[in-house]
């Protein structure tokens, strides 16, 4: 399984360029590439009572410290500035929770900047089995910003700031596969995989992905067929074990789905 070990190694890589901690009230909430915010012109934000200043911090070295009337207000103003300058990822109009390393939620921010700001994210995947032992998988839309046309688990999506893990599982399963999770048989939490690696969401090596993916597994009843509701899926396929392994080895799945499926298959 050299191909899988290489992918696992690729999912745990340091940034392409040095990064500096991003702080709110002395707590680390993300990281930014060295020199990145200087090019953004963050002094523009002072008119909104928002400042980003560099300072030496014990145990962290040079860090950027955010000061604003409210952390969410400050981060989203910065997000808008990044968007206007073409330095954000795809804009989603979706808020993602921003937490300290201890898991304390201190803010929310637009999803399009979580990689460039090094904000840790949370995602959920669903492995959908057929009753005959095969597996349901989806092919991502050719218009997806990340990994277009690649194959994926039956459902995969990020947990938004307004969702719990269970709510995200239910919402994303309905949107992507047209299934109510209560329809699934033997639904259970299977485990999680972690990513900490450079991201190509923003050109120039400025983005970094830190994400925990919790995965679930359930059986789709024989009389039910997945049906996409949000336009993000080209097609579904129900494949046997041999085909699944061949597609994984050939790199036809997204890196996230590959690691989730490798975990499930105990490869």
Protein backbone atom coordinates (compact mmCIF):
# COMPACT_ATOMS: atom_id res chain seq x y z
CA UNK A 1 0.00 0.00 0.00
CA UNK A 2 2.81 2.42 -0.86
CA UNK A 3 0.31 4.69 -2.62
CA UNK A 4 -1.71 5.02 0.57
CA UNK A 5 1.32 5.63 2.76
CA UNK A 6 2.46 8.38 0.40
CA UNK A 7 -0.96 10.00 0.64
CA UNK A 8 -0.95 9.75 4.42
CA UNK A 9 2.47 11.37 4.48
CA UNK A 10 1.22 14.11 2.14
CA UNK A 11 -1.66 14.81 4.53
CA UNK A 12 0.82 15.60 7.31
CA UNK A 13 3.27 18.12 5.88
CA UNK A 14 4.63 21.44 7.11
CA UNK A 15 3.71 24.64 5.27
CA UNK A 16 5.43 25.48 1.97
CA UNK A 17 6.59 28.74 3.57
CA UNK A 18 6.99 29.89 7.18
CA UNK A 19 3.77 30.90 8.93
CA UNK A 20 3.09 33.17 11.89
CA UNK A 21 0.45 32.58 14.57
CA UNK A 22 -2.71 34.68 14.39
CA UNK A 23 -3.95 35.67 17.86
CA UNK A 24 -7.13 36.93 19.44
CA UNK A 25 -6.86 37.93 23.11
CA UNK A 26 -3.55 36.10 23.30
CA UNK A 27 -5.05 32.82 22.02
CA UNK A 28 -3.95 31.20 18.75
CA UNK A 29 -6.87 31.07 16.29
CA UNK A 30 -4.95 30.49 13.05
CA UNK A 31 -1.75 31.14 11.14
CA UNK A 32 -0.73 33.32 8.20
CA UNK A 33 2.18 33.05 5.79
CA UNK A 34 5.07 35.38 6.55
CA UNK A 35 4.77 38.59 4.52
CA UNK A 36 1.20 37.87 3.46
CA UNK A 37 -0.68 40.44 5.54
CA UNK A 38 1.89 43.12 4.77
CA UNK A 39 0.94 42.77 1.08
CA UNK A 40 -2.77 42.95 1.90
CA UNK A 41 -2.61 46.44 3.37
CA UNK A 42 -4.40 45.71 6.60
CA UNK A 43 -4.02 49.32 7.77
CA UNK A 44 -7.15 49.95 5.68
CA UNK A 45 -9.12 48.20 8.44
CA UNK A 46 -8.30 50.84 11.05
CA UNK A 47 -11.31 52.83 9.88
CA UNK A 48 -13.45 49.99 11.22
CA UNK A 49 -11.59 49.99 14.56
CA UNK A 50 -9.70 46.85 13.56
CA UNK A 51 -5.96 46.50 13.89
CA UNK A 52 -3.55 43.72 13.04
CA UNK A 53 -0.16 44.19 14.63
CA UNK A 54 2.98 42.10 14.80
CA UNK A 55 4.51 41.46 18.18
CA UNK A 56 6.83 39.00 19.87
CA UNK A 57 4.86 36.56 21.99
CA UNK A 58 6.42 34.26 24.60
CA UNK A 59 6.61 30.72 23.27
CA UNK A 60 5.34 31.73 19.82
CA UNK A 61 7.90 34.19 18.48
CA UNK A 62 6.60 36.81 16.04
CA UNK A 63 2.82 36.70 15.81
CA UNK A 64 -0.04 38.74 14.37
CA UNK A 65 -2.51 39.99 16.96
CA UNK A 66 -6.06 40.96 15.99
CA UNK A 67 -7.83 43.73 17.88
CA UNK A 68 -11.46 44.52 17.08
CA UNK A 69 -14.79 45.23 18.81
CA UNK A 70 -15.60 41.57 18.22
CA UNK A 71 -13.48 38.71 16.87
CA UNK A 72 -16.05 37.67 14.26
CA UNK A 73 -16.44 41.26 13.10
CA UNK A 74 -12.68 41.67 12.73
CA UNK A 75 -12.11 38.38 10.95
CA UNK A 76 -14.95 38.89 8.50
CA UNK A 77 -13.81 42.42 7.69
CA UNK A 78 -10.39 40.96 6.94
CA UNK A 79 -12.07 38.27 4.84
CA UNK A 80 -13.84 40.92 2.75
CA UNK A 81 -10.55 42.73 2.20
CA UNK A 82 -8.89 39.50 1.09
CA UNK A 83 -11.78 38.80 -1.27
CA UNK A 84 -11.57 42.26 -2.84
CA UNK A 85 -7.86 41.73 -3.50
CA UNK A 86 -8.33 38.24 -4.95
CA UNK A 87 -6.48 36.63 -2.05
CA UNK A 88 -9.28 34.45 -0.69
CA UNK A 89 -10.46 31.02 -1.70
CA UNK A 90 -13.88 30.48 -3.33
CA UNK A 91 -16.47 32.61 -1.51
CA UNK A 92 -19.30 30.56 0.05
CA UNK A 93 -21.31 32.98 2.21
CA UNK A 94 -20.93 30.32 4.90
CA UNK A 95 -19.56 30.91 8.39
CA UNK A 96 -17.09 28.48 9.95
CA UNK A 97 -16.35 28.27 13.67
CA UNK A 98 -13.00 29.65 14.83
CA UNK A 99 -11.64 27.91 17.93
CA UNK A 100 -8.59 28.01 20.17
CA UNK A 101 -6.29 24.96 20.32
CA UNK A 102 -8.27 23.92 23.41
CA UNK A 103 -11.49 23.84 21.38
CA UNK A 104 -13.03 27.04 22.76
CA UNK A 105 -15.10 28.76 20.10
CA UNK A 106 -14.28 32.48 19.95
CA UNK A 107 -15.57 33.60 16.54
CA UNK A 108 -16.88 32.66 13.12
CA UNK A 109 -15.44 33.54 9.72
CA UNK A 110 -16.29 33.19 6.03
CA UNK A 111 -15.36 29.75 4.72
CA UNK A 112 -13.46 31.22 1.78
CA UNK A 113 -10.59 32.40 4.01
CA UNK A 114 -10.15 29.51 6.45
CA UNK A 115 -7.20 28.06 4.51
CA UNK A 116 -5.37 31.34 4.00
CA UNK A 117 -5.83 32.17 7.70
CA UNK A 118 -4.89 28.65 8.78
CA UNK A 119 -8.13 28.21 10.73
CA UNK A 120 -8.75 24.65 11.90
CA UNK A 121 -11.89 23.18 10.32
CA UNK A 122 -14.16 20.21 10.89
CA UNK A 123 -15.72 18.05 8.17
CA UNK A 124 -17.96 15.01 7.96
CA UNK A 125 -18.11 12.11 5.48
CA UNK A 126 -20.64 9.34 5.02
CA UNK A 127 -19.68 5.92 3.67
CA UNK A 128 -22.83 4.47 2.13
CA UNK A 129 -23.03 0.72 1.78
CA UNK A 130 -25.51 -1.17 -0.36
CA UNK A 131 -27.33 -4.13 1.15
CA UNK A 132 -25.54 -6.50 -1.23
CA UNK A 133 -22.12 -5.42 0.10
CA UNK A 134 -21.19 -2.94 -2.61
CA UNK A 135 -20.53 0.74 -1.87
CA UNK A 136 -22.26 3.90 -3.08
CA UNK A 137 -19.86 6.63 -4.22
CA UNK A 138 -20.33 9.99 -5.94
CA UNK A 139 -18.47 11.83 -8.68
CA UNK A 140 -17.97 15.49 -7.88
CA UNK A 141 -19.21 18.16 -10.24
CA UNK A 142 -16.76 19.45 -12.86
CA UNK A 143 -17.44 22.97 -11.53
CA UNK A 144 -16.31 22.23 -7.96
CA UNK A 145 -13.49 24.52 -6.84
CA UNK A 146 -11.61 21.63 -5.23
CA UNK A 147 -11.01 18.25 -6.89
CA UNK A 148 -13.53 18.61 -9.75
CA UNK A 149 -14.54 15.31 -11.40
CA UNK A 150 -12.91 13.26 -8.65
CA UNK A 151 -14.81 10.48 -6.90
CA UNK A 152 -15.85 10.84 -3.28
CA UNK A 153 -17.65 9.02 -0.50
CA UNK A 154 -21.45 9.08 -0.69
CA UNK A 155 -21.33 12.43 1.12
CA UNK A 156 -18.58 14.76 2.26
CA UNK A 157 -18.92 18.30 3.59
CA UNK A 158 -17.61 20.87 6.03
CA UNK A 159 -19.31 21.47 9.37
CA UNK A 160 -20.58 25.06 9.37
CA UNK A 161 -20.66 27.32 12.42
CA UNK A 162 -24.44 26.86 12.66
CA UNK A 163 -24.26 23.04 12.73
CA UNK A 164 -23.34 20.36 15.21
CA UNK A 165 -21.60 17.31 13.74
CA UNK A 166 -24.89 15.40 13.68
CA UNK A 167 -26.72 18.32 12.06
CA UNK A 168 -24.02 18.62 9.39
CA UNK A 169 -24.27 14.89 8.71
CA UNK A 170 -28.04 15.14 8.22
CA UNK A 171 -27.98 18.36 6.16
CA UNK A 172 -25.16 17.35 3.84
CA UNK A 173 -26.61 13.86 3.31
CA UNK A 174 -29.92 15.41 2.24
CA UNK A 175 -28.29 18.02 -0.01
CA UNK A 176 -25.74 15.78 -1.69
CA UNK A 177 -27.54 12.44 -1.83
CA UNK A 178 -31.21 13.26 -1.28
CA UNK A 179 -31.33 10.91 1.69
CA UNK A 180 -32.77 11.36 5.15
CA UNK A 181 -30.27 9.89 7.59
CA UNK A 182 -33.16 8.16 9.35
CA UNK A 183 -33.52 6.06 6.18
CA UNK A 184 -30.05 4.61 6.63
CA UNK A 185 -29.64 1.25 8.31
CA UNK A 186 -27.03 0.56 11.00
CA UNK A 187 -25.72 4.13 10.95
CA UNK A 188 -22.66 4.53 13.18
CA UNK A 189 -19.65 6.77 13.74
CA UNK A 190 -16.60 5.02 12.35
CA UNK A 191 -13.64 7.22 13.24
CA UNK A 192 -11.75 10.27 12.04
CA UNK A 193 -8.76 11.29 9.96
CA UNK A 194 -6.62 14.41 10.28
CA UNK A 195 -5.12 16.74 7.68
CA UNK A 196 -2.35 19.30 8.28
CA UNK A 197 -0.83 20.18 4.93
CA UNK A 198 -0.39 22.93 2.32
CA UNK A 199 -3.50 23.81 0.34
CA UNK A 200 -3.71 25.02 -3.25
CA UNK A 201 -6.95 26.90 -2.55
CA UNK A 202 -5.02 30.19 -2.73
CA UNK A 203 -2.11 30.51 -5.22
CA UNK A 204 1.40 31.21 -4.05
CA UNK A 205 1.67 28.86 -1.10
CA UNK A 206 -0.26 31.14 1.27
CA UNK A 207 -2.89 28.57 2.27
CA UNK A 208 -2.67 25.78 4.81
CA UNK A 209 -5.26 23.12 5.61
CA UNK A 210 -5.87 21.92 9.17
CA UNK A 211 -8.93 19.71 9.30
CA UNK A 212 -10.48 16.87 11.27
CA UNK A 213 -12.82 14.65 9.24
CA UNK A 214 -15.25 12.50 11.20
CA UNK A 215 -16.67 9.68 9.14
CA UNK A 216 -19.84 7.67 9.51
CA UNK A 217 -20.99 4.48 7.82
CA UNK A 218 -24.53 3.36 7.09
CA UNK A 219 -26.44 1.09 4.71
CA UNK A 220 -28.70 2.49 2.00
CA UNK A 221 -31.91 0.42 1.77
CA UNK A 222 -32.25 -1.63 -1.41
CA UNK A 223 -35.30 0.31 -2.62
CA UNK A 224 -33.57 3.71 -2.25
CA UNK A 225 -31.30 5.37 -4.82
CA UNK A 226 -29.19 8.47 -4.00
CA UNK A 227 -30.21 11.62 -5.88
CA UNK A 228 -28.25 14.88 -5.74
CA UNK A 229 -30.15 18.01 -4.68
CA UNK A 230 -27.57 20.82 -4.78
CA UNK A 231 -25.89 20.44 -8.18
CA UNK A 232 -22.53 19.47 -6.69
CA UNK A 233 -22.56 15.83 -7.85
CA UNK A 234 -22.32 14.54 -11.43
CA UNK A 235 -23.39 10.98 -10.77
CA UNK A 236 -23.52 8.16 -8.26
CA UNK A 237 -22.14 4.66 -8.73
CA UNK A 238 -22.52 1.48 -6.72
CA UNK A 239 -19.23 -0.42 -6.96
CA UNK A 240 -17.86 -3.70 -5.66
CA UNK A 241 -14.85 -4.14 -3.40
CA UNK A 242 -12.40 -4.90 -6.22
CA UNK A 243 -13.45 -1.82 -8.19
CA UNK A 244 -13.21 0.33 -5.08
CA UNK A 245 -9.63 -0.78 -4.43
CA UNK A 246 -8.65 -0.28 -8.08
CA UNK A 247 -10.10 3.26 -8.13
CA UNK A 248 -8.38 4.13 -4.86
CA UNK A 249 -5.01 2.88 -6.11
CA UNK A 250 -5.47 4.75 -9.41
CA UNK A 251 -6.02 8.04 -7.57
CA UNK A 252 -9.59 8.51 -8.78
CA UNK A 253 -10.83 9.59 -5.34
CA UNK A 254 -10.14 12.87 -3.54
CA UNK A 255 -7.34 12.71 -0.94
CA UNK A 256 -9.91 13.17 1.84
CA UNK A 257 -12.12 10.34 0.61
CA UNK A 258 -9.10 8.10 0.04
CA UNK A 259 -7.92 8.45 3.64
CA UNK A 260 -11.45 8.00 4.99
CA UNK A 261 -11.97 4.86 2.90
CA UNK A 262 -8.52 3.57 3.80
CA UNK A 263 -9.43 3.98 7.45
CA UNK A 264 -12.75 2.17 6.94
CA UNK A 265 -11.12 -0.68 5.02
CA UNK A 266 -8.31 -0.89 7.62
CA UNK A 267 -5.68 -0.67 4.88
